[in-house]
Amino acid sequence: QLLFGKFLGHGLTLAFATLLGFGVAGVAIALLVDDVAVGALAAAMFRFIVSTILLGWGFIALAYMISVRVSEKPIAAGMALGIWFFFVLIFDLMLLGTLVASEGKLNPELLPWLLMLNPTDIYRLLNIVAFGEGAQLSGVLSLGKDLPIGANGLWFALVLWFVIPLAAAWALFRSRRI
């Protein structure tokens, strides 16, 4: 319960800050931009805010999983920052490097699914693909257009990215206390 209580506190703080920050930006756009479709703007901002909160919760859950395993706070903080850095920058470079090294011989049906191993790629796909036919996917994200799961599958995957690490942190915490 302690673990979930702390996660709830941190998660709600993140959600409130995200809602406030992006909400103010959305209101400013609605008020200051001429000929803006307020309904479309509200839908886009809602999708952006919710997906940002879910991504943040995923990284908080990963940090909790690390902190349960590590005894010193500075080490846990450094590892959490390293994991964030890996998913935001390194993962796609590794995937691209693998594609180049394999000279395109990697299974093309597997490649789009590898994007699901990175919560930031799911987040990017969810927010870029939502713009419809006009959205241009470039780089590694262009593999995402071949995913057969659609937006609902991407939402589900993003939810799993905080549920699974949080459940793992809880299981590790319980086994440590016994």
N, C-alpha and C. Protein backbone atom coordinates (compact mmCIF):
# COMPACT_ATOMS: atom_id res chain seq x y z
N GLN A 1 0.82 -1.20 0.00
CA GLN A 1 0.00 0.00 0.00
C GLN A 1 0.85 1.26 0.00
N LEU A 2 1.97 1.20 0.72
CA LEU A 2 2.85 2.36 0.78
C LEU A 2 3.37 2.72 -0.61
N LEU A 3 3.77 1.71 -1.35
CA LEU A 3 4.28 1.93 -2.70
C LEU A 3 3.22 2.56 -3.60
N PHE A 4 2.01 2.01 -3.56
CA PHE A 4 0.94 2.55 -4.41
C PHE A 4 0.53 3.95 -3.96
N GLY A 5 0.56 4.19 -2.65
CA GLY A 5 0.24 5.52 -2.14
C GLY A 5 1.23 6.56 -2.62
N LYS A 6 2.50 6.21 -2.57
CA LYS A 6 3.53 7.13 -3.06
C LYS A 6 3.38 7.35 -4.57
N PHE A 7 3.13 6.26 -5.31
CA PHE A 7 2.96 6.39 -6.76
C PHE A 7 1.75 7.28 -7.05
N LEU A 8 0.67 7.07 -6.31
CA LEU A 8 -0.53 7.88 -6.53
C LEU A 8 -0.22 9.35 -6.29
N GLY A 9 0.51 9.65 -5.22
CA GLY A 9 0.88 11.03 -4.93
C GLY A 9 1.74 11.64 -6.03
N HIS A 10 2.78 10.92 -6.42
CA HIS A 10 3.65 11.42 -7.49
C HIS A 10 2.90 11.49 -8.82
N GLY A 11 2.10 10.48 -9.09
CA GLY A 11 1.35 10.45 -10.35
C GLY A 11 0.33 11.57 -10.46
N LEU A 12 -0.36 11.86 -9.36
CA LEU A 12 -1.34 12.95 -9.38
C LEU A 12 -0.65 14.31 -9.49
N THR A 13 0.50 14.45 -8.86
CA THR A 13 1.26 15.70 -8.98
C THR A 13 1.68 15.93 -10.43
N LEU A 14 2.20 14.87 -11.05
CA LEU A 14 2.57 14.95 -12.47
C LEU A 14 1.36 15.27 -13.34
N ALA A 15 0.25 14.59 -13.08
CA ALA A 15 -0.96 14.81 -13.87
C ALA A 15 -1.46 16.25 -13.73
N PHE A 16 -1.46 16.75 -12.51
CA PHE A 16 -1.93 18.12 -12.29
C PHE A 16 -1.02 19.13 -12.99
N ALA A 17 0.30 18.95 -12.86
CA ALA A 17 1.24 19.88 -13.49
C ALA A 17 1.10 19.84 -15.01
N THR A 18 0.94 18.64 -15.56
CA THR A 18 0.78 18.49 -17.01
C THR A 18 -0.52 19.13 -17.48
N LEU A 19 -1.59 18.84 -16.77
CA LEU A 19 -2.89 19.41 -17.12
C LEU A 19 -2.86 20.94 -17.05
N LEU A 20 -2.27 21.46 -16.00
CA LEU A 20 -2.19 22.91 -15.83
C LEU A 20 -1.33 23.54 -16.92
N GLY A 21 -0.14 22.99 -17.14
CA GLY A 21 0.77 23.57 -18.13
C GLY A 21 0.23 23.52 -19.54
N PHE A 22 -0.18 22.33 -19.98
CA PHE A 22 -0.69 22.21 -21.34
C PHE A 22 -2.08 22.80 -21.47
N GLY A 23 -2.87 22.76 -20.39
CA GLY A 23 -4.20 23.35 -20.41
C GLY A 23 -4.14 24.85 -20.63
N VAL A 24 -3.23 25.52 -19.93
CA VAL A 24 -3.05 26.96 -20.11
C VAL A 24 -2.62 27.26 -21.55
N ALA A 25 -1.72 26.44 -22.08
CA ALA A 25 -1.28 26.63 -23.47
C ALA A 25 -2.44 26.45 -24.44
N GLY A 26 -3.28 25.45 -24.20
CA GLY A 26 -4.44 25.22 -25.06
C GLY A 26 -5.42 26.37 -25.02
N VAL A 27 -5.67 26.89 -23.83
CA VAL A 27 -6.58 28.03 -23.69
C VAL A 27 -5.99 29.26 -24.39
N ALA A 28 -4.68 29.47 -24.24
CA ALA A 28 -4.03 30.60 -24.90
C ALA A 28 -4.15 30.48 -26.42
N ILE A 29 -3.95 29.29 -26.94
CA ILE A 29 -4.09 29.08 -28.39
C ILE A 29 -5.52 29.38 -28.83
N ALA A 30 -6.48 28.87 -28.07
CA ALA A 30 -7.89 29.07 -28.42
C ALA A 30 -8.26 30.56 -28.42
N LEU A 31 -7.70 31.30 -27.48
CA LEU A 31 -8.04 32.72 -27.37
C LEU A 31 -7.25 33.62 -28.31
N LEU A 32 -6.01 33.27 -28.60
CA LEU A 32 -5.13 34.18 -29.32
C LEU A 32 -4.93 33.88 -30.80
N VAL A 33 -5.30 32.69 -31.23
CA VAL A 33 -5.10 32.31 -32.62
C VAL A 33 -6.41 32.50 -33.38
N ASP A 34 -6.32 33.19 -34.49
CA ASP A 34 -7.51 33.42 -35.31
C ASP A 34 -7.92 32.13 -36.02
N ASP A 35 -9.20 31.96 -36.20
CA ASP A 35 -9.77 30.85 -36.97
C ASP A 35 -9.32 29.48 -36.50
N VAL A 36 -9.20 29.30 -35.19
CA VAL A 36 -8.84 27.99 -34.67
C VAL A 36 -10.13 27.20 -34.41
N ALA A 37 -10.10 25.94 -34.80
CA ALA A 37 -11.24 25.05 -34.54
C ALA A 37 -11.13 24.58 -33.09
N VAL A 38 -11.91 25.17 -32.22
CA VAL A 38 -11.78 24.92 -30.79
C VAL A 38 -12.05 23.46 -30.44
N GLY A 39 -13.00 22.83 -31.10
CA GLY A 39 -13.29 21.42 -30.84
C GLY A 39 -12.12 20.52 -31.19
N ALA A 40 -11.53 20.75 -32.35
CA ALA A 40 -10.37 19.95 -32.78
C ALA A 40 -9.18 20.23 -31.88
N LEU A 41 -9.01 21.48 -31.49
CA LEU A 41 -7.92 21.84 -30.58
C LEU A 41 -8.10 21.15 -29.24
N ALA A 42 -9.32 21.17 -28.71
CA ALA A 42 -9.59 20.54 -27.42
C ALA A 42 -9.32 19.03 -27.48
N ALA A 43 -9.74 18.39 -28.58
CA ALA A 43 -9.50 16.95 -28.72
C ALA A 43 -8.01 16.65 -28.81
N ALA A 44 -7.27 17.45 -29.58
CA ALA A 44 -5.83 17.24 -29.72
C ALA A 44 -5.11 17.48 -28.39
N MET A 45 -5.50 18.54 -27.69
CA MET A 45 -4.86 18.84 -26.40
C MET A 45 -5.19 17.77 -25.37
N PHE A 46 -6.41 17.27 -25.38
CA PHE A 46 -6.79 16.20 -24.46
C PHE A 46 -5.94 14.96 -24.71
N ARG A 47 -5.82 14.56 -25.97
CA ARG A 47 -5.01 13.40 -26.34
C ARG A 47 -3.56 13.62 -25.93
N PHE A 48 -3.04 14.80 -26.18
CA PHE A 48 -1.66 15.12 -25.86
C PHE A 48 -1.44 15.09 -24.35
N ILE A 49 -2.35 15.67 -23.58
CA ILE A 49 -2.23 15.71 -22.12
C ILE A 49 -2.30 14.31 -21.53
N VAL A 50 -3.27 13.51 -21.95
CA VAL A 50 -3.43 12.16 -21.39
C VAL A 50 -2.24 11.28 -21.76
N SER A 51 -1.78 11.36 -22.99
CA SER A 51 -0.63 10.53 -23.38
C SER A 51 0.64 10.97 -22.67
N THR A 52 0.79 12.27 -22.42
CA THR A 52 1.94 12.77 -21.68
C THR A 52 1.91 12.28 -20.24
N ILE A 53 0.74 12.30 -19.63
CA ILE A 53 0.59 11.79 -18.26
C ILE A 53 0.93 10.31 -18.21
N LEU A 54 0.42 9.53 -19.15
CA LEU A 54 0.71 8.09 -19.17
C LEU A 54 2.20 7.82 -19.36
N LEU A 55 2.85 8.57 -20.24
CA LEU A 55 4.28 8.41 -20.44
C LEU A 55 5.04 8.76 -19.16
N GLY A 56 4.65 9.83 -18.52
CA GLY A 56 5.28 10.22 -17.26
C GLY A 56 5.09 9.17 -16.19
N TRP A 57 3.88 8.62 -16.10
CA TRP A 57 3.63 7.55 -15.13
C TRP A 57 4.49 6.33 -15.42
N GLY A 58 4.72 6.05 -16.71
CA GLY A 58 5.59 4.93 -17.07
C GLY A 58 7.00 5.14 -16.56
N PHE A 59 7.53 6.34 -16.71
CA PHE A 59 8.88 6.60 -16.23
C PHE A 59 8.94 6.64 -14.69
N ILE A 60 7.88 7.11 -14.06
CA ILE A 60 7.83 7.06 -12.59
C ILE A 60 7.82 5.60 -12.12
N ALA A 61 7.03 4.76 -12.78
CA ALA A 61 6.96 3.34 -12.42
C ALA A 61 8.31 2.66 -12.63
N LEU A 62 8.99 2.98 -13.73
CA LEU A 62 10.33 2.42 -13.95
C LEU A 62 11.30 2.88 -12.85
N ALA A 63 11.19 4.15 -12.44
CA ALA A 63 12.04 4.66 -11.37
C ALA A 63 11.73 3.95 -10.05
N TYR A 64 10.47 3.68 -9.79
CA TYR A 64 10.11 2.94 -8.59
C TYR A 64 10.71 1.54 -8.61
N MET A 65 10.63 0.90 -9.76
CA MET A 65 11.18 -0.45 -9.90
C MET A 65 12.68 -0.44 -9.59
N ILE A 66 13.38 0.58 -10.08
CA ILE A 66 14.81 0.71 -9.82
C ILE A 66 15.06 0.99 -8.33
N SER A 67 14.30 1.90 -7.76
CA SER A 67 14.55 2.30 -6.38
C SER A 67 14.30 1.18 -5.38
N VAL A 68 13.44 0.24 -5.74
CA VAL A 68 13.20 -0.90 -4.87
C VAL A 68 14.43 -1.82 -4.85
N ARG A 69 15.14 -1.87 -5.96
CA ARG A 69 16.31 -2.77 -6.09
C ARG A 69 17.61 -2.14 -5.60
N VAL A 70 17.69 -0.82 -5.56
CA VAL A 70 18.93 -0.13 -5.22
C VAL A 70 18.80 0.49 -3.83
N SER A 71 19.86 0.39 -3.03
CA SER A 71 19.76 0.86 -1.64
C SER A 71 20.07 2.35 -1.48
N GLU A 72 20.82 2.95 -2.41
CA GLU A 72 21.19 4.35 -2.26
C GLU A 72 20.43 5.23 -3.25
N LYS A 73 19.89 6.34 -2.72
CA LYS A 73 19.08 7.24 -3.54
C LYS A 73 19.83 7.82 -4.74
N PRO A 74 21.07 8.30 -4.57
CA PRO A 74 21.76 8.87 -5.74
C PRO A 74 21.96 7.85 -6.87
N ILE A 75 22.21 6.60 -6.51
CA ILE A 75 22.38 5.57 -7.53
C ILE A 75 21.05 5.31 -8.24
N ALA A 76 19.98 5.24 -7.46
CA ALA A 76 18.65 5.03 -8.05
C ALA A 76 18.28 6.19 -8.98
N ALA A 77 18.56 7.42 -8.54
CA ALA A 77 18.25 8.59 -9.37
C ALA A 77 19.07 8.58 -10.66
N GLY A 78 20.35 8.23 -10.55
CA GLY A 78 21.20 8.15 -11.74
C GLY A 78 20.75 7.07 -12.70
N MET A 79 20.36 5.93 -12.16
CA MET A 79 19.88 4.84 -13.02
C MET A 79 18.56 5.21 -13.70
N ALA A 80 17.67 5.87 -12.95
CA ALA A 80 16.39 6.30 -13.53
C ALA A 80 16.64 7.30 -14.66
N LEU A 81 17.55 8.22 -14.45
CA LEU A 81 17.91 9.18 -15.49
C LEU A 81 18.52 8.46 -16.69
N GLY A 82 19.35 7.47 -16.43
CA GLY A 82 19.96 6.68 -17.50
C GLY A 82 18.91 5.94 -18.32
N ILE A 83 17.90 5.38 -17.66
CA ILE A 83 16.83 4.68 -18.38
C ILE A 83 16.03 5.66 -19.24
N TRP A 84 15.75 6.82 -18.69
CA TRP A 84 15.05 7.85 -19.47
C TRP A 84 15.89 8.21 -20.71
N PHE A 85 17.18 8.45 -20.50
CA PHE A 85 18.08 8.79 -21.60
C PHE A 85 18.10 7.68 -22.65
N PHE A 86 18.15 6.43 -22.20
CA PHE A 86 18.16 5.29 -23.11
C PHE A 86 16.91 5.29 -24.00
N PHE A 87 15.74 5.43 -23.38
CA PHE A 87 14.50 5.35 -24.16
C PHE A 87 14.29 6.58 -25.05
N VAL A 88 14.71 7.74 -24.61
CA VAL A 88 14.47 8.96 -25.38
C VAL A 88 15.47 9.10 -26.54
N LEU A 89 16.73 8.68 -26.33
CA LEU A 89 17.74 8.91 -27.35
C LEU A 89 18.40 7.64 -27.91
N ILE A 90 18.81 6.76 -27.06
CA ILE A 90 19.66 5.64 -27.47
C ILE A 90 18.89 4.54 -28.19
N PHE A 91 17.70 4.20 -27.73
CA PHE A 91 16.94 3.08 -28.27
C PHE A 91 16.77 3.18 -29.79
N ASP A 92 16.32 4.32 -30.26
CA ASP A 92 16.10 4.49 -31.70
C ASP A 92 17.41 4.43 -32.48
N LEU A 93 18.48 4.95 -31.89
CA LEU A 93 19.79 4.86 -32.56
C LEU A 93 20.24 3.40 -32.66
N MET A 94 19.99 2.63 -31.61
CA MET A 94 20.34 1.22 -31.65
C MET A 94 19.50 0.48 -32.70
N LEU A 95 18.23 0.78 -32.76
CA LEU A 95 17.36 0.15 -33.75
C LEU A 95 17.79 0.51 -35.17
N LEU A 96 18.10 1.78 -35.37
CA LEU A 96 18.57 2.22 -36.68
C LEU A 96 19.91 1.57 -37.02
N GLY A 97 20.80 1.49 -36.04
CA GLY A 97 22.09 0.82 -36.25
C GLY A 97 21.93 -0.65 -36.58
N THR A 98 20.97 -1.30 -35.94
CA THR A 98 20.69 -2.71 -36.23
C THR A 98 20.18 -2.87 -37.66
N LEU A 99 19.33 -1.96 -38.08
CA LEU A 99 18.84 -2.00 -39.46
C LEU A 99 19.97 -1.83 -40.47
N VAL A 100 20.84 -0.89 -40.21
CA VAL A 100 21.96 -0.63 -41.11
C VAL A 100 22.92 -1.81 -41.11
N ALA A 101 23.24 -2.32 -39.92
CA ALA A 101 24.19 -3.43 -39.81
C ALA A 101 23.67 -4.70 -40.49
N SER A 102 22.35 -4.90 -40.43
CA SER A 102 21.77 -6.10 -41.05
C SER A 102 21.56 -5.92 -42.55
N GLU A 103 21.86 -4.72 -43.04
CA GLU A 103 21.68 -4.38 -44.45
C GLU A 103 20.26 -4.68 -44.94
N GLY A 104 19.30 -4.41 -44.08
CA GLY A 104 17.90 -4.58 -44.44
C GLY A 104 17.40 -6.01 -44.41
N LYS A 105 18.19 -6.91 -43.87
CA LYS A 105 17.80 -8.32 -43.87
C LYS A 105 17.03 -8.72 -42.62
N LEU A 106 16.83 -7.78 -41.71
CA LEU A 106 16.04 -8.05 -40.52
C LEU A 106 14.58 -8.26 -40.93
N ASN A 107 13.89 -9.13 -40.26
CA ASN A 107 12.50 -9.44 -40.58
C ASN A 107 11.66 -8.16 -40.61
N PRO A 108 11.12 -7.78 -41.77
CA PRO A 108 10.37 -6.53 -41.85
C PRO A 108 9.05 -6.56 -41.07
N GLU A 109 8.52 -7.73 -40.79
CA GLU A 109 7.29 -7.80 -39.99
C GLU A 109 7.58 -7.60 -38.50
N LEU A 110 8.80 -7.88 -38.08
CA LEU A 110 9.19 -7.71 -36.69
C LEU A 110 9.51 -6.26 -36.36
N LEU A 111 10.06 -5.55 -37.30
CA LEU A 111 10.55 -4.19 -37.06
C LEU A 111 9.52 -3.25 -36.43
N PRO A 112 8.31 -3.14 -36.95
CA PRO A 112 7.36 -2.22 -36.32
C PRO A 112 7.06 -2.59 -34.86
N TRP A 113 7.07 -3.87 -34.56
CA TRP A 113 6.76 -4.31 -33.20
C TRP A 113 7.87 -3.94 -32.22
N LEU A 114 9.09 -3.77 -32.73
CA LEU A 114 10.19 -3.36 -31.86
C LEU A 114 9.95 -1.97 -31.28
N LEU A 115 9.18 -1.15 -31.98
CA LEU A 115 8.84 0.18 -31.46
C LEU A 115 8.03 0.09 -30.17
N MET A 116 7.31 -1.00 -29.97
CA MET A 116 6.50 -1.17 -28.76
C MET A 116 7.37 -1.42 -27.53
N LEU A 117 8.67 -1.67 -27.74
CA LEU A 117 9.60 -1.86 -26.63
C LEU A 117 10.11 -0.53 -26.08
N ASN A 118 9.61 0.56 -26.61
CA ASN A 118 10.03 1.89 -26.19
C ASN A 118 8.80 2.76 -25.94
N PRO A 119 8.57 3.17 -24.69
CA PRO A 119 7.38 3.98 -24.41
C PRO A 119 7.39 5.34 -25.12
N THR A 120 8.57 5.91 -25.34
CA THR A 120 8.60 7.20 -26.03
C THR A 120 8.23 7.06 -27.50
N ASP A 121 8.56 5.92 -28.11
CA ASP A 121 8.13 5.70 -29.50
C ASP A 121 6.61 5.54 -29.58
N ILE A 122 6.04 4.84 -28.61
CA ILE A 122 4.58 4.69 -28.57
C ILE A 122 3.93 6.07 -28.44
N TYR A 123 4.47 6.87 -27.54
CA TYR A 123 3.98 8.23 -27.32
C TYR A 123 4.08 9.06 -28.60
N ARG A 124 5.22 8.99 -29.25
CA ARG A 124 5.41 9.75 -30.49
C ARG A 124 4.43 9.30 -31.56
N LEU A 125 4.31 7.98 -31.71
CA LEU A 125 3.38 7.46 -32.72
C LEU A 125 1.95 7.89 -32.42
N LEU A 126 1.55 7.79 -31.18
CA LEU A 126 0.20 8.15 -30.78
C LEU A 126 -0.12 9.60 -31.10
N ASN A 127 0.83 10.47 -30.87
CA ASN A 127 0.58 11.89 -31.09
C ASN A 127 0.81 12.33 -32.53
N ILE A 128 1.68 11.66 -33.26
CA ILE A 128 1.90 12.02 -34.66
C ILE A 128 0.84 11.40 -35.55
N VAL A 129 0.54 10.13 -35.33
CA VAL A 129 -0.44 9.43 -36.16
C VAL A 129 -1.83 10.05 -36.00
N ALA A 130 -2.09 10.63 -34.84
CA ALA A 130 -3.40 11.23 -34.59
C ALA A 130 -3.69 12.39 -35.54
N PHE A 131 -2.66 12.96 -36.16
CA PHE A 131 -2.88 14.05 -37.07
C PHE A 131 -3.38 13.58 -38.43
N GLY A 132 -3.48 12.27 -38.60
CA GLY A 132 -4.12 11.71 -39.80
C GLY A 132 -3.18 11.60 -40.98
N GLU A 133 -3.77 11.69 -42.15
CA GLU A 133 -3.04 11.46 -43.40
C GLU A 133 -1.91 12.46 -43.62
N GLY A 134 -2.04 13.66 -43.07
CA GLY A 134 -1.02 14.67 -43.28
C GLY A 134 0.22 14.46 -42.44
N ALA A 135 0.18 13.52 -41.49
CA ALA A 135 1.32 13.30 -40.61
C ALA A 135 2.45 12.63 -41.37
N GLN A 136 3.62 13.16 -41.21
CA GLN A 136 4.81 12.58 -41.84
C GLN A 136 5.63 11.86 -40.78
N LEU A 137 5.76 10.55 -40.92
CA LEU A 137 6.60 9.78 -40.02
C LEU A 137 7.98 9.68 -40.65
N SER A 138 9.00 10.03 -39.89
CA SER A 138 10.35 9.96 -40.42
C SER A 138 11.22 9.13 -39.50
N GLY A 139 12.37 8.74 -40.01
CA GLY A 139 13.31 7.97 -39.23
C GLY A 139 12.73 6.63 -38.83
N VAL A 140 13.10 6.20 -37.63
CA VAL A 140 12.64 4.90 -37.12
C VAL A 140 11.12 4.88 -36.97
N LEU A 141 10.52 6.03 -36.68
CA LEU A 141 9.07 6.07 -36.50
C LEU A 141 8.31 5.70 -37.77
N SER A 142 8.94 5.81 -38.92
CA SER A 142 8.25 5.43 -40.15
C SER A 142 7.89 3.95 -40.16
N LEU A 143 8.57 3.16 -39.33
CA LEU A 143 8.22 1.75 -39.20
C LEU A 143 6.83 1.59 -38.58
N GLY A 144 6.41 2.56 -37.79
CA GLY A 144 5.14 2.49 -37.09
C GLY A 144 3.92 2.46 -37.98
N LYS A 145 4.06 2.94 -39.21
CA LYS A 145 2.89 2.93 -40.11
C LYS A 145 2.48 1.51 -40.48
N ASP A 146 3.37 0.54 -40.25
CA ASP A 146 3.07 -0.85 -40.57
C ASP A 146 2.47 -1.61 -39.38
N LEU A 147 2.28 -0.96 -38.27
CA LEU A 147 1.68 -1.62 -37.11
C LEU A 147 0.19 -1.83 -37.33
N PRO A 148 -0.30 -3.03 -37.13
CA PRO A 148 -1.73 -3.30 -37.35
C PRO A 148 -2.61 -3.04 -36.14
N ILE A 149 -2.09 -2.39 -35.09
CA ILE A 149 -2.86 -2.28 -33.85
C ILE A 149 -3.68 -1.00 -33.74
N GLY A 150 -3.38 0.01 -34.51
CA GLY A 150 -4.15 1.25 -34.48
C GLY A 150 -3.96 2.05 -33.21
N ALA A 151 -4.71 3.12 -33.09
CA ALA A 151 -4.58 4.03 -31.95
C ALA A 151 -4.95 3.35 -30.63
N ASN A 152 -6.00 2.51 -30.63
CA ASN A 152 -6.39 1.83 -29.39
C ASN A 152 -5.28 0.92 -28.89
N GLY A 153 -4.61 0.23 -29.79
CA GLY A 153 -3.49 -0.62 -29.41
C GLY A 153 -2.33 0.19 -28.84
N LEU A 154 -2.09 1.37 -29.41
CA LEU A 154 -1.04 2.24 -28.90
C LEU A 154 -1.37 2.74 -27.51
N TRP A 155 -2.65 3.11 -27.29
CA TRP A 155 -3.07 3.54 -25.94
C TRP A 155 -2.87 2.41 -24.94
N PHE A 156 -3.28 1.21 -25.33
CA PHE A 156 -3.13 0.05 -24.45
C PHE A 156 -1.66 -0.21 -24.12
N ALA A 157 -0.80 -0.12 -25.13
CA ALA A 157 0.63 -0.33 -24.92
C ALA A 157 1.21 0.71 -23.97
N LEU A 158 0.78 1.96 -24.10
CA LEU A 158 1.27 3.02 -23.22
C LEU A 158 0.81 2.79 -21.78
N VAL A 159 -0.41 2.30 -21.61
CA VAL A 159 -0.90 1.96 -20.26
C VAL A 159 -0.06 0.82 -19.68
N LEU A 160 0.24 -0.18 -20.51
CA LEU A 160 1.06 -1.30 -20.03
C LEU A 160 2.43 -0.84 -19.58
N TRP A 161 2.95 0.22 -20.20
CA TRP A 161 4.27 0.71 -19.84
C TRP A 161 4.31 1.33 -18.45
N PHE A 162 3.19 1.61 -17.81
CA PHE A 162 3.27 1.99 -16.40
C PHE A 162 2.72 0.90 -15.50
N VAL A 163 1.78 0.09 -15.99
CA VAL A 163 1.20 -0.97 -15.16
C VAL A 163 2.22 -2.07 -14.88
N ILE A 164 2.93 -2.53 -15.89
CA ILE A 164 3.88 -3.64 -15.71
C ILE A 164 5.05 -3.24 -14.80
N PRO A 165 5.73 -2.11 -15.02
CA PRO A 165 6.81 -1.75 -14.09
C PRO A 165 6.31 -1.48 -12.67
N LEU A 166 5.11 -0.93 -12.54
CA LEU A 166 4.57 -0.69 -11.20
C LEU A 166 4.27 -2.01 -10.50
N ALA A 167 3.70 -2.97 -11.22
CA ALA A 167 3.45 -4.30 -10.65
C ALA A 167 4.77 -4.98 -10.29
N ALA A 168 5.78 -4.82 -11.15
CA ALA A 168 7.10 -5.41 -10.86
C ALA A 168 7.71 -4.76 -9.63
N ALA A 169 7.58 -3.44 -9.49
CA ALA A 169 8.10 -2.75 -8.31
C ALA A 169 7.40 -3.25 -7.05
N TRP A 170 6.09 -3.42 -7.15
CA TRP A 170 5.32 -3.92 -6.01
C TRP A 170 5.77 -5.33 -5.63
N ALA A 171 5.96 -6.19 -6.63
CA ALA A 171 6.40 -7.57 -6.37
C ALA A 171 7.80 -7.57 -5.76
N LEU A 172 8.70 -6.76 -6.27
CA LEU A 172 10.05 -6.67 -5.71
C LEU A 172 10.02 -6.13 -4.29
N PHE A 173 9.18 -5.15 -4.05
CA PHE A 173 9.04 -4.56 -2.72
C PHE A 173 8.53 -5.60 -1.72
N ARG A 174 7.53 -6.35 -2.13
CA ARG A 174 6.97 -7.40 -1.26
C ARG A 174 8.01 -8.47 -0.95
N SER A 175 8.75 -8.90 -1.97
CA SER A 175 9.74 -9.96 -1.74
C SER A 175 10.89 -9.47 -0.87
N ARG A 176 11.18 -8.18 -0.92
CA ARG A 176 12.24 -7.61 -0.10
C ARG A 176 11.83 -7.50 1.36
N ARG A 177 10.55 -7.26 1.60
CA ARG A 177 10.06 -7.10 2.97
C ARG A 177 9.91 -8.42 3.69
N ILE A 178 9.76 -9.52 2.95
CA ILE A 178 9.50 -10.82 3.58
C ILE A 178 10.78 -11.42 4.09
